[in-house]
Amino acid sequence: MTYSKPKYYLIAFSLFYLFLIGIMVFYFMQVLELKRKEIHKIAHDRIDIIENVLSFEKKNKKKDNVMYQAVLDLLQKKATIVDIQKKNASYLQSISLDATQKIDSAFADLGYQIAYRIDLTHVILNSTQENMLKAPVTILETQQKVKHAQRVNSSEWEVEESSSNKSDEPCKDCPEDYANHFTVKQEKYIEVLNFNSIALRELFPLLAGSFLICTFILILYFITYKTIKKKEQEVLSLHNMVDNVSHEFKLPIATLKYGCNNLKQEYDSPTVALIQRQIDRLERLQNQLGVSSNANADELSFTKADFTQLIEDLKVRNSAIDFQASWSVVENTIPFPQTELETILLNLLENGIKYGGTFITCSLYSKENKLYIEVSDNGIGIEKKEQVLIFRKFYRIIHNNVHNTLGLGIGLYQVKHLVDKHQGSIRLNSIVTKGTTFIIRIPYA
């Protein structure tokens, strides 16, 4: 018997399990990305609303606005960026604190921790297209800093205005004449700092369900694998036991045959003949338990007389059964070992008896250099699902979860083995409650 190699099952399952995990991780990452977009959209929408009530309004720049005046000072080169930042440090701090309080309050119900920042990126004098800023300048940032900047949008506004001193009298305090046409660009950034915890909380049912499914599959496989291994060991032990018993039977049976042959020479008695037949039957059973791949070269071939005697013995033991036998082979001797042909015929015929047959036919005929053995009965039949299993070693047909007939479950296995040995084939036709027909075809010269 060929046993499956468990390591191949383990490798196949491992590959399948890793593939399953990969698919689940892929789809979880897709869901996580969708959740990221959803959370950021909620944050962006609320920020847009909050901007209308912030102290710093990027779209309303008036002359008395601190930032507006700072831009003018920069354009007129009255101050540098560093000077402006130092001069307006308290103002920048106040608007940042105001933004922090309003944003934290707005997102308190959602539990979002929001970091928000506005950078001034360009102050461009339109006449020369010169950017007065060498690097972006942060003009507003919440107390929670933006760690991984995500630009929400960019905005810009254009200012064109001029101023001149029209008085003819000298004035030391009067402002200098100027004509300004400039463009200011800024960028706004937002980040949900606790996105991971929010996503984990909202996706926890999905994550927990996926984990439970993977764990369940793993446990189920482990239990199944362990059970299969246990059953495989049990079957292997059974085979070893049967093989050992079969081997141990050989010497006692040979001794009995030797003794019976001696008695037969001394006494011509029906009882001795009966003992002889039963010993022969016991030897056939022993041969079924341990299949030998090497036929005895000196064994006699199967003859028509052997066939007739076999059928007659069955009739004697089963008087209630109607047997019909026919020998249509041209020769009276078939070039096959007697024991092997008797084993095939007896197993098929006795199976017909065991499974309810009351009318059994057995035909041997030859055609196109092939020997055909056809055995039919009118018994209970074999279900379709059972027909592919009955040739397995130790397999027995079960009706309503009960073995209704006695036997070892190796008869048809023995038949299949012997037919395969001679490169033959078996065809099975069976209808439940109608009967079964076995047709064996074996090539021979």
Protein backbone atom coordinates (compact mmCIF):
# COMPACT_ATOMS: atom_id res chain seq x y z
CA MET A 1 0.00 0.00 0.00
CA THR A 2 1.29 3.49 -0.90
CA TYR A 3 0.98 6.00 1.90
CA SER A 4 0.70 9.71 1.34
CA LYS A 5 3.52 11.87 2.51
CA PRO A 6 2.23 14.27 5.19
CA LYS A 7 4.97 16.82 4.48
CA TYR A 8 3.43 17.54 1.07
CA TYR A 9 0.08 18.21 2.71
CA LEU A 10 1.82 20.52 5.18
CA ILE A 11 3.63 22.41 2.41
CA ALA A 12 0.44 22.74 0.34
CA PHE A 13 -1.53 24.00 3.34
CA SER A 14 1.24 26.42 4.32
CA LEU A 15 1.30 27.91 0.82
CA PHE A 16 -2.49 28.16 0.77
CA TYR A 17 -2.55 29.69 4.25
CA LEU A 18 0.10 32.27 3.36
CA PHE A 19 -1.84 33.11 0.19
CA LEU A 20 -5.01 33.55 2.26
CA ILE A 21 -3.18 35.77 4.76
CA GLY A 22 -1.75 37.81 1.89
CA ILE A 23 -5.21 38.37 0.39
CA MET A 24 -6.64 39.37 3.76
CA VAL A 25 -3.75 41.78 4.42
CA PHE A 26 -4.15 43.29 0.94
CA TYR A 27 -7.86 43.95 1.40
CA PHE A 28 -7.33 45.21 4.94
CA MET A 29 -4.80 47.74 3.63
CA GLN A 30 -7.32 48.82 1.00
CA VAL A 31 -9.96 49.31 3.69
CA LEU A 32 -7.41 51.17 5.83
CA GLU A 33 -6.64 53.53 2.94
CA LEU A 34 -10.35 54.19 2.42
CA LYS A 35 -10.70 54.88 6.14
CA ARG A 36 -7.73 57.27 5.95
CA LYS A 37 -9.41 59.23 3.17
CA GLU A 38 -12.69 59.30 5.07
CA ILE A 39 -11.10 60.57 8.27
CA HIS A 40 -9.07 63.24 6.46
CA LYS A 41 -12.15 64.41 4.57
CA ILE A 42 -14.01 64.84 7.85
CA ALA A 43 -11.06 66.76 9.26
CA HIS A 44 -10.76 68.97 6.16
CA ASP A 45 -14.47 69.82 6.13
CA ARG A 46 -14.39 70.90 9.77
CA ILE A 47 -11.22 72.91 9.30
CA ASP A 48 -12.86 74.82 6.45
CA ILE A 49 -15.69 75.77 8.81
CA ILE A 50 -13.33 76.69 11.65
CA GLU A 51 -11.22 78.98 9.45
CA ASN A 52 -14.09 81.44 9.24
CA VAL A 53 -13.90 82.10 12.98
CA LEU A 54 -10.12 82.12 13.44
CA SER A 55 -8.43 85.39 14.50
CA PHE A 56 -6.19 85.07 11.46
CA GLU A 57 -8.20 85.37 8.25
CA LYS A 58 -6.13 84.70 5.20
CA LYS A 59 -8.61 86.21 2.77
CA ASN A 60 -9.20 89.57 4.42
CA LYS A 61 -5.98 91.57 4.41
CA LYS A 62 -6.45 95.18 5.50
CA LYS A 63 -4.00 97.92 6.06
CA ASP A 64 -4.32 97.74 9.81
CA ASN A 65 -3.73 93.98 9.76
CA VAL A 66 -0.42 93.00 11.40
CA MET A 67 0.51 90.53 8.69
CA TYR A 68 -0.37 92.98 5.95
CA GLN A 69 1.90 95.61 7.48
CA ALA A 70 4.64 93.01 7.88
CA VAL A 71 4.45 92.20 4.15
CA LEU A 72 4.70 95.89 3.29
CA ASP A 73 7.75 96.25 5.53
CA LEU A 74 9.33 93.30 3.77
CA LEU A 75 8.63 94.74 0.32
CA GLN A 76 9.94 98.14 1.27
CA LYS A 77 12.95 96.41 2.81
CA LYS A 78 12.33 98.11 6.10
CA ALA A 79 12.72 94.76 7.92
CA THR A 80 13.93 91.25 7.33
CA ILE A 81 11.96 88.06 7.92
CA VAL A 82 13.81 87.50 11.18
CA ASP A 83 13.01 91.04 12.34
CA ILE A 84 9.37 90.65 11.46
CA GLN A 85 9.14 87.30 13.31
CA LYS A 86 10.70 88.78 16.42
CA LYS A 87 8.55 91.93 16.26
CA ASN A 88 5.32 89.96 15.83
CA ALA A 89 6.18 86.94 17.99
CA SER A 90 3.41 87.67 20.49
CA TYR A 91 0.86 88.10 17.72
CA LEU A 92 1.86 84.86 16.00
CA GLN A 93 1.72 83.06 19.32
CA SER A 94 -1.74 84.43 20.10
CA ILE A 95 -3.26 83.40 16.78
CA SER A 96 -1.68 79.95 17.06
CA LEU A 97 -3.12 79.53 20.57
CA ASP A 98 -6.52 80.71 19.35
CA ALA A 99 -6.39 78.21 16.47
CA THR A 100 -5.37 75.40 18.83
CA GLN A 101 -8.28 76.05 21.20
CA LYS A 102 -10.90 76.33 18.45
CA ILE A 103 -9.63 73.23 16.57
CA ASP A 104 -9.39 71.08 19.73
CA SER A 105 -12.91 72.14 20.71
CA ALA A 106 -14.30 71.41 17.25
CA PHE A 107 -12.85 67.88 17.15
CA ALA A 108 -13.43 66.95 20.80
CA ASP A 109 -16.59 64.93 20.00
CA LEU A 110 -14.74 62.84 17.40
CA GLY A 111 -11.63 62.33 19.52
CA TYR A 112 -9.37 63.55 16.69
CA GLN A 113 -6.01 65.07 17.57
CA ILE A 114 -5.46 67.63 14.81
CA ALA A 115 -2.22 69.38 13.89
CA TYR A 116 -2.69 72.43 11.67
CA ARG A 117 -0.22 74.83 10.02
CA ILE A 118 -0.20 77.69 7.54
CA ASP A 119 2.99 78.55 5.70
CA LEU A 120 3.68 81.73 3.76
CA THR A 121 5.57 80.46 0.71
CA HIS A 122 5.80 83.39 -1.71
CA VAL A 123 5.69 87.20 -1.58
CA ILE A 124 6.22 88.10 -5.23
CA LEU A 125 6.70 91.64 -6.47
CA ASN A 126 4.86 91.56 -9.78
CA SER A 127 7.04 94.16 -11.47
CA THR A 128 10.18 92.06 -11.08
CA GLN A 129 8.67 88.64 -10.31
CA GLU A 130 11.10 88.46 -7.40
CA ASN A 131 10.14 86.23 -4.47
CA MET A 132 11.01 88.13 -1.34
CA LEU A 133 10.99 84.91 0.71
CA LYS A 134 14.00 82.65 0.54
CA ALA A 135 12.15 79.85 2.39
CA PRO A 136 8.57 79.22 3.57
CA VAL A 137 7.61 81.03 6.78
CA THR A 138 5.18 79.50 9.29
CA ILE A 139 2.63 82.12 10.33
CA LEU A 140 0.24 79.83 12.22
CA GLU A 141 0.67 76.42 13.84
CA THR A 142 -1.23 74.60 16.54
CA GLN A 143 0.51 73.45 19.70
CA GLN A 144 0.46 69.91 18.31
CA LYS A 145 2.96 70.05 15.48
CA VAL A 146 2.50 68.63 12.01
CA LYS A 147 4.87 65.66 11.80
CA HIS A 148 4.09 64.29 8.38
CA ALA A 149 2.92 67.26 6.38
CA GLN A 150 0.01 66.72 4.06
CA ARG A 151 -0.78 69.77 1.98
CA VAL A 152 -4.49 70.46 1.91
CA ASN A 153 -4.54 73.34 -0.56
CA SER A 154 -2.74 76.42 -1.78
CA SER A 155 -4.09 79.94 -1.94
CA GLU A 156 -2.92 83.29 -3.12
CA TRP A 157 -4.08 86.86 -3.26
CA GLU A 158 -2.94 89.84 -5.24
CA VAL A 159 -2.64 93.40 -3.88
CA GLU A 160 -2.16 96.57 -5.94
CA GLU A 161 -1.99 99.91 -4.13
CA SER A 162 0.06 103.07 -4.08
CA SER A 163 0.76 105.94 -1.69
CA SER A 164 2.28 109.40 -2.26
CA ASN A 165 3.00 112.47 -0.13
CA LYS A 166 1.14 115.38 -1.86
CA SER A 167 2.13 118.13 0.51
CA ASP A 168 4.61 120.71 -0.79
CA GLU A 169 5.91 121.39 2.67
CA PRO A 170 8.76 119.28 4.03
CA CYS A 171 7.61 116.60 6.45
CA LYS A 172 9.90 114.37 8.40
CA ASP A 173 7.16 112.02 9.65
CA CYS A 174 5.38 111.65 6.33
CA PRO A 175 5.64 108.19 4.71
CA GLU A 176 7.65 107.70 1.61
CA ASP A 177 5.92 107.36 -1.73
CA TYR A 178 5.31 103.81 -2.83
CA ALA A 179 3.49 101.86 -5.48
CA ASN A 180 3.02 98.19 -4.60
CA HIS A 181 1.65 95.41 -6.82
CA PHE A 182 2.42 92.06 -5.27
CA THR A 183 1.13 88.51 -4.93
CA VAL A 184 1.12 86.48 -1.69
CA LYS A 185 0.92 82.64 -1.75
CA GLN A 186 0.38 80.36 1.20
CA GLU A 187 -0.15 76.66 1.85
CA LYS A 188 -2.23 74.98 4.53
CA TYR A 189 -1.33 71.63 6.10
CA ILE A 190 -3.36 69.31 8.30
CA GLU A 191 -2.63 65.97 9.98
CA VAL A 192 -4.73 63.63 12.12
CA LEU A 193 -2.08 62.64 14.66
CA ASN A 194 -3.98 59.74 16.21
CA PHE A 195 -5.16 58.27 12.89
CA ASN A 196 -3.82 54.79 13.73
CA SER A 197 -5.76 54.54 17.00
CA ILE A 198 -8.93 55.90 15.36
CA ALA A 199 -8.66 53.48 12.43
CA LEU A 200 -7.89 50.56 14.74
CA ARG A 201 -10.90 51.37 16.88
CA GLU A 202 -13.27 51.65 13.93
CA LEU A 203 -11.85 48.66 12.05
CA PHE A 204 -11.41 46.44 15.10
CA PRO A 205 -14.49 44.25 14.35
CA LEU A 206 -13.12 43.55 10.85
CA LEU A 207 -9.61 42.90 12.15
CA ALA A 208 -10.86 40.68 14.98
CA GLY A 209 -13.13 38.74 12.62
CA SER A 210 -10.27 38.13 10.17
CA PHE A 211 -8.00 37.00 12.99
CA LEU A 212 -10.62 34.60 14.34
CA ILE A 213 -11.19 33.11 10.87
CA CYS A 214 -7.45 32.57 10.34
CA THR A 215 -7.09 31.08 13.81
CA PHE A 216 -10.10 28.81 13.28
CA ILE A 217 -8.69 27.54 9.96
CA LEU A 218 -5.32 26.91 11.60
CA ILE A 219 -6.86 25.01 14.54
CA LEU A 220 -9.14 23.04 12.23
CA TYR A 221 -6.20 22.04 10.04
CA PHE A 222 -4.16 21.04 13.08
CA ILE A 223 -6.98 18.85 14.42
CA THR A 224 -7.61 17.32 10.98
CA TYR A 225 -3.92 16.70 10.35
CA LYS A 226 -3.50 15.11 13.77
CA THR A 227 -6.56 12.90 13.23
CA ILE A 228 -5.37 11.79 9.78
CA LYS A 229 -1.93 10.96 11.14
CA LYS A 230 -3.49 8.95 13.94
CA LYS A 231 -5.75 7.03 11.56
CA GLU A 232 -2.87 6.46 9.16
CA GLN A 233 -0.83 4.94 11.97
CA GLU A 234 -3.77 2.75 12.95
CA VAL A 235 -4.19 1.52 9.35
CA LEU A 236 -0.47 0.91 9.04
CA SER A 237 -0.49 -1.06 12.29
CA LEU A 238 -3.46 -3.08 11.04
CA HIS A 239 -1.68 -3.89 7.79
CA ASN A 240 1.43 -4.93 9.63
CA MET A 241 -0.58 -7.12 11.98
CA VAL A 242 -2.45 -8.80 9.11
CA ASP A 243 0.79 -9.37 7.19
CA ASN A 244 2.39 -10.88 10.29
CA VAL A 245 -0.60 -13.14 10.97
CA SER A 246 -0.62 -14.22 7.32
CA HIS A 247 3.06 -15.09 7.53
CA GLU A 248 2.57 -17.05 10.75
CA PHE A 249 -0.26 -19.04 9.15
CA LYS A 250 1.98 -20.43 6.41
CA LEU A 251 3.81 -23.08 8.44
CA PRO A 252 0.72 -24.52 10.25
CA ILE A 253 -1.20 -24.69 6.96
CA ALA A 254 1.72 -26.38 5.17
CA THR A 255 1.96 -28.89 8.04
CA LEU A 256 -1.78 -29.60 7.88
CA LYS A 257 -1.61 -30.12 4.12
CA TYR A 258 1.30 -32.51 4.52
CA GLY A 259 -0.54 -34.49 7.20
CA CYS A 260 -3.80 -34.53 5.22
CA ASN A 261 -2.03 -35.80 2.12
CA ASN A 262 -0.53 -38.65 4.14
CA LEU A 263 -3.98 -39.50 5.59
CA LYS A 264 -5.47 -39.45 2.11
CA GLN A 265 -2.95 -42.04 0.99
CA GLU A 266 -3.79 -44.28 3.95
CA TYR A 267 -7.56 -43.74 4.17
CA ASP A 268 -9.98 -43.19 1.31
CA SER A 269 -12.58 -41.40 3.40
CA PRO A 270 -15.07 -38.55 2.64
CA THR A 271 -14.00 -36.96 5.92
CA VAL A 272 -10.40 -36.77 4.77
CA ALA A 273 -11.58 -35.22 1.47
CA LEU A 274 -13.62 -32.69 3.46
CA ILE A 275 -10.61 -31.81 5.58
CA GLN A 276 -8.53 -31.48 2.41
CA ARG A 277 -10.99 -28.99 0.90
CA GLN A 278 -11.18 -26.92 4.09
CA ILE A 279 -7.38 -26.77 4.33
CA ASP A 280 -7.29 -25.62 0.72
CA ARG A 281 -9.87 -22.96 1.54
CA LEU A 282 -7.87 -21.87 4.58
CA GLU A 283 -4.80 -21.58 2.37
CA ARG A 284 -6.71 -19.38 -0.07
CA LEU A 285 -7.81 -17.13 2.77
CA GLN A 286 -4.22 -16.94 3.95
CA ASN A 287 -3.15 -15.96 0.43
CA GLN A 288 -5.74 -13.18 0.45
CA LEU A 289 -4.31 -11.75 3.66
CA GLY A 290 -0.78 -11.58 2.30
CA VAL A 291 -0.58 -10.83 -1.39
CA SER A 292 2.46 -12.38 -3.01
CA SER A 293 3.80 -10.68 -6.12
CA ASN A 294 5.66 -13.79 -7.30
CA ALA A 295 3.60 -16.62 -8.68
CA ASN A 296 4.79 -20.12 -8.23
CA ALA A 297 6.30 -21.16 -11.57
CA ASP A 298 5.49 -24.85 -10.87
CA GLU A 299 1.83 -24.25 -10.04
CA LEU A 300 -0.75 -26.02 -12.18
CA SER A 301 -2.82 -24.11 -14.71
CA PHE A 302 -6.55 -23.61 -14.25
CA THR A 303 -8.68 -26.22 -16.03
CA LYS A 304 -12.31 -26.75 -16.91
CA ALA A 305 -12.43 -29.52 -14.29
CA ASP A 306 -11.20 -27.10 -11.63
CA PHE A 307 -13.93 -24.67 -12.65
CA THR A 308 -16.63 -27.33 -12.50
CA GLN A 309 -15.46 -28.61 -9.09
CA LEU A 310 -15.38 -25.06 -7.72
CA ILE A 311 -18.99 -24.43 -8.76
CA GLU A 312 -20.11 -27.81 -7.39
CA ASP A 313 -18.52 -27.12 -4.00
CA LEU A 314 -20.33 -23.78 -3.85
CA LYS A 315 -23.62 -25.46 -4.65
CA VAL A 316 -23.10 -27.96 -1.85
CA ARG A 317 -22.39 -25.21 0.72
CA ASN A 318 -25.15 -22.90 -0.59
CA SER A 319 -28.03 -25.13 -1.59
CA ALA A 320 -30.53 -22.26 -1.58
CA ILE A 321 -28.65 -20.39 -4.29
CA ASP A 322 -29.30 -21.03 -7.98
CA PHE A 323 -25.92 -21.19 -9.73
CA GLN A 324 -25.57 -21.09 -13.52
CA ALA A 325 -22.04 -21.65 -14.86
CA SER A 326 -20.69 -21.85 -18.40
CA TRP A 327 -17.23 -22.57 -19.82
CA SER A 328 -16.97 -21.21 -23.37
CA VAL A 329 -13.22 -21.22 -23.68
CA VAL A 330 -12.06 -23.39 -26.57
CA GLU A 331 -9.22 -24.96 -24.60
CA ASN A 332 -9.83 -27.08 -21.49
CA THR A 333 -6.87 -25.46 -19.79
CA ILE A 334 -6.24 -21.75 -19.27
CA PRO A 335 -2.59 -20.65 -18.92
CA PHE A 336 -3.13 -18.97 -15.57
CA PRO A 337 -2.21 -20.27 -12.08
CA GLN A 338 -5.00 -22.33 -10.54
CA THR A 339 -4.88 -20.57 -7.16
CA GLU A 340 -5.14 -17.10 -8.71
CA LEU A 341 -8.12 -17.94 -10.93
CA GLU A 342 -9.88 -19.73 -8.04
CA THR A 343 -9.25 -16.70 -5.81
CA ILE A 344 -10.82 -14.34 -8.37
CA LEU A 345 -13.84 -16.55 -8.97
CA LEU A 346 -14.50 -17.42 -5.32
CA ASN A 347 -14.30 -13.79 -4.19
CA LEU A 348 -16.75 -12.61 -6.84
CA LEU A 349 -19.16 -15.53 -6.35
CA GLU A 350 -19.09 -15.38 -2.54
CA ASN A 351 -19.64 -11.63 -2.62
CA GLY A 352 -22.78 -12.26 -4.67
CA ILE A 353 -23.95 -14.71 -2.00
CA LYS A 354 -23.11 -12.38 0.91
CA TYR A 355 -24.98 -9.43 -0.57
CA GLY A 356 -28.33 -11.05 -1.17
CA GLY A 357 -27.95 -12.87 -4.46
CA THR A 358 -30.27 -15.82 -5.02
CA PHE A 359 -29.48 -16.30 -8.71
CA ILE A 360 -25.81 -16.15 -9.69
CA THR A 361 -24.25 -16.73 -13.10
CA CYS A 362 -20.59 -17.29 -13.86
CA SER A 363 -19.23 -17.38 -17.41
CA LEU A 364 -15.74 -17.88 -18.77
CA TYR A 365 -15.16 -17.19 -22.47
CA SER A 366 -12.38 -16.03 -24.75
CA LYS A 367 -12.37 -13.47 -27.53
CA GLU A 368 -9.55 -11.85 -29.49
CA ASN A 369 -6.82 -13.43 -27.35
CA LYS A 370 -8.47 -12.23 -24.15
CA LEU A 371 -10.05 -14.21 -21.34
CA TYR A 372 -13.36 -12.83 -20.06
CA ILE A 373 -14.75 -13.68 -16.63
CA GLU A 374 -18.29 -12.50 -16.07
CA VAL A 375 -20.06 -12.91 -12.72
CA SER A 376 -23.61 -11.59 -12.18
CA ASP A 377 -26.01 -11.69 -9.26
CA ASN A 378 -29.45 -10.34 -8.38
CA GLY A 379 -28.43 -9.03 -4.97
CA ILE A 380 -28.82 -5.64 -3.33
CA GLY A 381 -26.45 -3.88 -5.74
CA ILE A 382 -23.74 -1.30 -5.06
CA GLU A 383 -24.36 2.43 -4.84
CA LYS A 384 -22.51 4.68 -7.28
CA LYS A 385 -20.47 6.38 -4.56
CA GLU A 386 -19.32 2.98 -3.24
CA GLN A 387 -18.22 1.60 -6.62
CA VAL A 388 -14.94 3.55 -6.65
CA LEU A 389 -14.08 2.41 -3.12
CA ILE A 390 -14.81 -1.31 -3.03
CA PHE A 391 -11.42 -2.32 -4.44
CA ARG A 392 -9.54 -0.71 -1.54
CA LYS A 393 -7.93 -2.99 0.99
CA PHE A 394 -10.11 -3.58 4.11
CA TYR A 395 -12.97 -1.52 2.64
CA ARG A 396 -16.43 -2.89 3.33
CA ILE A 397 -19.77 -1.57 2.10
CA ILE A 398 -21.84 0.03 4.83
CA HIS A 399 -25.64 0.13 4.84
CA ASN A 400 -27.21 2.60 7.28
CA ASN A 401 -23.89 2.91 9.12
CA VAL A 402 -23.87 -0.83 9.82
CA HIS A 403 -21.76 -3.66 8.34
CA ASN A 404 -24.47 -6.21 7.60
CA THR A 405 -22.15 -8.88 6.22
CA LEU A 406 -19.15 -10.72 7.57
CA GLY A 407 -15.76 -10.46 5.95
CA LEU A 408 -12.33 -8.89 6.06
CA GLY A 409 -12.85 -6.38 3.26
CA ILE A 410 -9.94 -7.71 1.21
CA GLY A 411 -11.67 -9.99 -1.33
CA LEU A 412 -12.18 -7.42 -4.08
CA TYR A 413 -8.82 -5.86 -3.28
CA GLN A 414 -7.29 -9.28 -3.95
CA VAL A 415 -9.23 -9.56 -7.22
CA LYS A 416 -8.03 -6.13 -8.38
CA HIS A 417 -4.45 -6.96 -7.44
CA LEU A 418 -4.45 -10.23 -9.41
CA VAL A 419 -6.14 -8.68 -12.45
CA ASP A 420 -3.63 -5.80 -12.49
CA LYS A 421 -0.81 -8.33 -12.14
CA HIS A 422 -1.88 -9.85 -15.48
CA GLN A 423 -2.45 -6.39 -17.04
CA GLY A 424 -6.18 -6.90 -17.16
CA SER A 425 -9.16 -4.66 -16.41
CA ILE A 426 -12.39 -4.81 -14.40
CA ARG A 427 -15.72 -3.31 -15.41
CA LEU A 428 -18.48 -2.99 -12.84
CA ASN A 429 -22.17 -2.55 -13.63
CA SER A 430 -24.51 -2.33 -10.68
CA ILE A 431 -28.01 -1.09 -9.95
CA VAL A 432 -29.23 -0.80 -6.37
CA THR A 433 -31.84 -3.50 -5.53
CA LYS A 434 -31.33 -5.00 -9.02
CA GLY A 435 -27.94 -6.67 -8.86
CA THR A 436 -24.31 -6.44 -9.86
CA THR A 437 -22.17 -7.64 -12.77
CA PHE A 438 -18.38 -7.87 -12.79
CA ILE A 439 -16.67 -8.29 -16.16
CA ILE A 440 -12.96 -9.05 -16.06
CA ARG A 441 -10.80 -8.98 -19.16
CA ILE A 442 -7.31 -10.54 -19.08
CA PRO A 443 -5.07 -10.80 -22.17
CA TYR A 444 -3.42 -14.16 -22.89
CA ALA A 445 -1.71 -15.79 -25.83
